[in-house]
Amino acid sequence: MKRISIAVSAVLLLAGFVLLTVSCQGHGPMGHNGKRIEKIKEYALFRISSELDLTENQKTMLNNSIDEIHKKMEEVHSNRDGHFTEMKALILSSTITEDQVDRFIQDRINEMAPVKELAIQKLVEFHATLTPEQKAKIIELMEKHKAELENGN
């Protein structure tokens, strides 16, 4: 029984850590004030624009899409304090069930659904603007990245 309790505690701690890490991305000391997020956005736009040789219209579309997705993420994360309180209560309780943990995780996944839907919509719209050369370049970059991962780089 003690072994099961330790295993469940370890899984809960790991799940909590993963959830808190994912939900806090970009919200650290430099993140939430917008400076870090803006720098990441600028770098991503620069890198994508230069690698794919985007047109001005594509750059504008990508920039606007990133802004819309970020805004939607902020809306989703507006209840972060509530999530923290709920996770804290789960961890502090004398016992927890798999159903409680599953419900907590599923609630967070459900909250992210609007972000997922918006991101898919924006990806489809952006994809429609890509030239065959840009698509070929994306495949080339993906293959390069895959090779680097396989080689441990």
Protein backbone atom coordinates (compact mmCIF):
# COMPACT_ATOMS: atom_id res chain seq x y z
CA MET A 1 0.00 0.00 0.00
CA LYS A 2 2.85 2.36 0.84
CA ARG A 3 4.40 1.69 -2.59
CA ILE A 4 1.15 2.63 -4.37
CA SER A 5 0.87 5.80 -2.31
CA ILE A 6 4.43 6.81 -3.18
CA ALA A 7 3.83 6.05 -6.88
CA VAL A 8 0.61 8.09 -6.94
CA SER A 9 2.32 10.97 -5.14
CA ALA A 10 5.19 10.90 -7.62
CA VAL A 11 2.81 10.90 -10.58
CA LEU A 12 0.78 13.74 -9.08
CA LEU A 13 3.89 15.78 -8.41
CA LEU A 14 5.13 15.17 -11.95
CA ALA A 15 1.72 16.06 -13.43
CA GLY A 16 1.57 19.18 -11.29
CA PHE A 17 5.06 20.21 -12.30
CA VAL A 18 4.31 19.68 -15.99
CA LEU A 19 1.03 21.56 -15.77
CA LEU A 20 2.54 24.46 -13.88
CA THR A 21 5.52 24.61 -16.22
CA VAL A 22 3.33 24.57 -19.33
CA SER A 23 0.86 27.07 -17.94
CA CYS A 24 3.64 29.43 -16.82
CA GLN A 25 5.66 29.50 -20.03
CA GLY A 26 6.55 33.04 -20.88
CA HIS A 27 5.30 34.27 -17.51
CA GLY A 28 8.54 34.24 -15.56
CA PRO A 29 10.49 37.27 -14.43
CA MET A 30 10.83 38.56 -17.99
CA GLY A 31 7.78 36.92 -19.48
CA HIS A 32 4.56 38.40 -18.26
CA ASN A 33 5.68 41.99 -18.60
CA GLY A 34 5.79 41.39 -22.34
CA LYS A 35 9.50 42.00 -22.95
CA ARG A 36 10.46 38.33 -23.23
CA ILE A 37 7.38 37.44 -25.23
CA GLU A 38 8.00 40.35 -27.59
CA LYS A 39 11.64 39.33 -28.07
CA ILE A 40 10.66 35.74 -28.81
CA LYS A 41 8.02 36.95 -31.26
CA GLU A 42 10.49 39.29 -33.00
CA TYR A 43 13.06 36.51 -33.30
CA ALA A 44 10.49 34.02 -34.59
CA LEU A 45 9.19 36.50 -37.17
CA PHE A 46 12.73 37.37 -38.27
CA ARG A 47 13.77 33.72 -38.54
CA ILE A 48 10.65 32.58 -40.36
CA SER A 49 10.67 35.64 -42.64
CA SER A 50 14.30 35.21 -43.62
CA GLU A 51 14.24 31.41 -43.94
CA LEU A 52 11.10 31.42 -46.10
CA ASP A 53 11.64 34.78 -47.79
CA LEU A 54 8.13 35.90 -46.81
CA THR A 55 6.34 38.69 -48.61
CA GLU A 56 5.23 41.76 -46.68
CA ASN A 57 1.65 40.44 -46.73
CA GLN A 58 2.78 37.10 -45.32
CA LYS A 59 4.82 38.85 -42.61
CA THR A 60 1.81 40.96 -41.63
CA MET A 61 -0.47 37.92 -41.62
CA LEU A 62 1.98 35.93 -39.47
CA ASN A 63 2.48 38.83 -37.06
CA ASN A 64 -1.28 39.33 -36.67
CA SER A 65 -1.83 35.60 -36.18
CA ILE A 66 0.79 35.43 -33.44
CA ASP A 67 -0.81 38.44 -31.73
CA GLU A 68 -4.30 36.88 -31.89
CA ILE A 69 -3.09 33.55 -30.55
CA HIS A 70 -1.18 35.27 -27.73
CA LYS A 71 -4.27 37.30 -26.80
CA LYS A 72 -6.36 34.11 -26.70
CA MET A 73 -3.70 32.46 -24.51
CA GLU A 74 -3.88 35.38 -22.08
CA GLU A 75 -7.67 34.94 -21.88
CA VAL A 76 -7.26 31.23 -21.18
CA HIS A 77 -4.65 31.87 -18.50
CA SER A 78 -6.70 34.54 -16.74
CA ASN A 79 -7.73 31.98 -14.10
CA ARG A 80 -4.19 30.92 -13.25
CA ASP A 81 -4.70 31.70 -9.55
CA GLY A 82 -7.72 29.40 -9.47
CA HIS A 83 -5.72 26.61 -11.08
CA PHE A 84 -2.93 27.07 -8.57
CA THR A 85 -5.39 26.95 -5.67
CA GLU A 86 -7.01 23.81 -7.06
CA MET A 87 -3.65 22.06 -7.58
CA LYS A 88 -2.51 23.09 -4.12
CA ALA A 89 -5.68 21.60 -2.59
CA LEU A 90 -5.12 18.34 -4.45
CA ILE A 91 -1.53 18.09 -3.28
CA LEU A 92 -2.40 18.94 0.32
CA SER A 93 -5.30 16.48 0.56
CA SER A 94 -4.64 13.29 2.49
CA THR A 95 -5.66 11.16 -0.49
CA ILE A 96 -6.41 11.78 -4.12
CA THR A 97 -7.90 9.66 -6.83
CA GLU A 98 -6.95 9.15 -10.42
CA ASP A 99 -10.31 10.65 -11.36
CA GLN A 100 -9.50 13.88 -9.51
CA VAL A 101 -6.16 14.22 -11.26
CA ASP A 102 -7.68 13.30 -14.61
CA ARG A 103 -10.47 15.85 -14.14
CA PHE A 104 -7.95 18.57 -13.25
CA ILE A 105 -5.86 17.84 -16.33
CA GLN A 106 -8.91 17.47 -18.60
CA ASP A 107 -10.26 20.83 -17.40
CA ARG A 108 -6.97 22.50 -18.41
CA ILE A 109 -7.07 20.75 -21.80
CA ASN A 110 -10.67 21.90 -22.34
CA GLU A 111 -9.70 25.47 -21.49
CA MET A 112 -7.02 25.32 -24.20
CA ALA A 113 -9.49 24.20 -26.91
CA PRO A 114 -10.21 27.76 -28.15
CA VAL A 115 -6.47 28.41 -28.50
CA LYS A 116 -6.03 25.18 -30.43
CA GLU A 117 -8.92 26.02 -32.74
CA LEU A 118 -7.59 29.52 -33.41
CA ALA A 119 -4.04 28.23 -34.01
CA ILE A 120 -5.35 25.64 -36.49
CA GLN A 121 -7.40 28.27 -38.29
CA LYS A 122 -4.41 30.63 -38.54
CA LEU A 123 -2.10 27.84 -39.71
CA VAL A 124 -4.53 26.86 -42.48
CA GLU A 125 -4.88 30.50 -43.56
CA PHE A 126 -1.10 31.02 -43.57
CA HIS A 127 -0.49 27.75 -45.40
CA ALA A 128 -2.76 28.95 -48.20
CA THR A 129 -0.36 31.85 -48.84
CA LEU A 130 2.80 29.73 -49.10
CA THR A 131 4.43 29.20 -52.46
CA PRO A 132 5.67 25.77 -53.54
CA GLU A 133 9.24 27.02 -52.92
CA GLN A 134 8.37 28.08 -49.37
CA LYS A 135 6.74 24.71 -48.67
CA ALA A 136 9.83 22.94 -50.01
CA LYS A 137 12.02 25.09 -47.74
CA ILE A 138 9.87 24.15 -44.72
CA ILE A 139 10.35 20.46 -45.54
CA GLU A 140 14.10 21.03 -45.89
CA LEU A 141 14.22 22.74 -42.49
CA MET A 142 12.14 19.97 -40.91
CA GLU A 143 14.46 17.29 -42.29
CA LYS A 144 17.51 19.21 -41.06
CA HIS A 145 15.97 19.54 -37.59
CA LYS A 146 15.06 15.84 -37.53
CA ALA A 147 18.62 14.88 -38.45
CA GLU A 148 20.01 17.14 -35.72
CA LEU A 149 17.72 15.53 -33.16
CA GLU A 150 18.70 12.05 -34.27
CA ASN A 151 22.38 12.96 -34.01
CA GLY A 152 21.93 14.44 -30.55
CA ASN A 153 22.60 18.01 -31.60
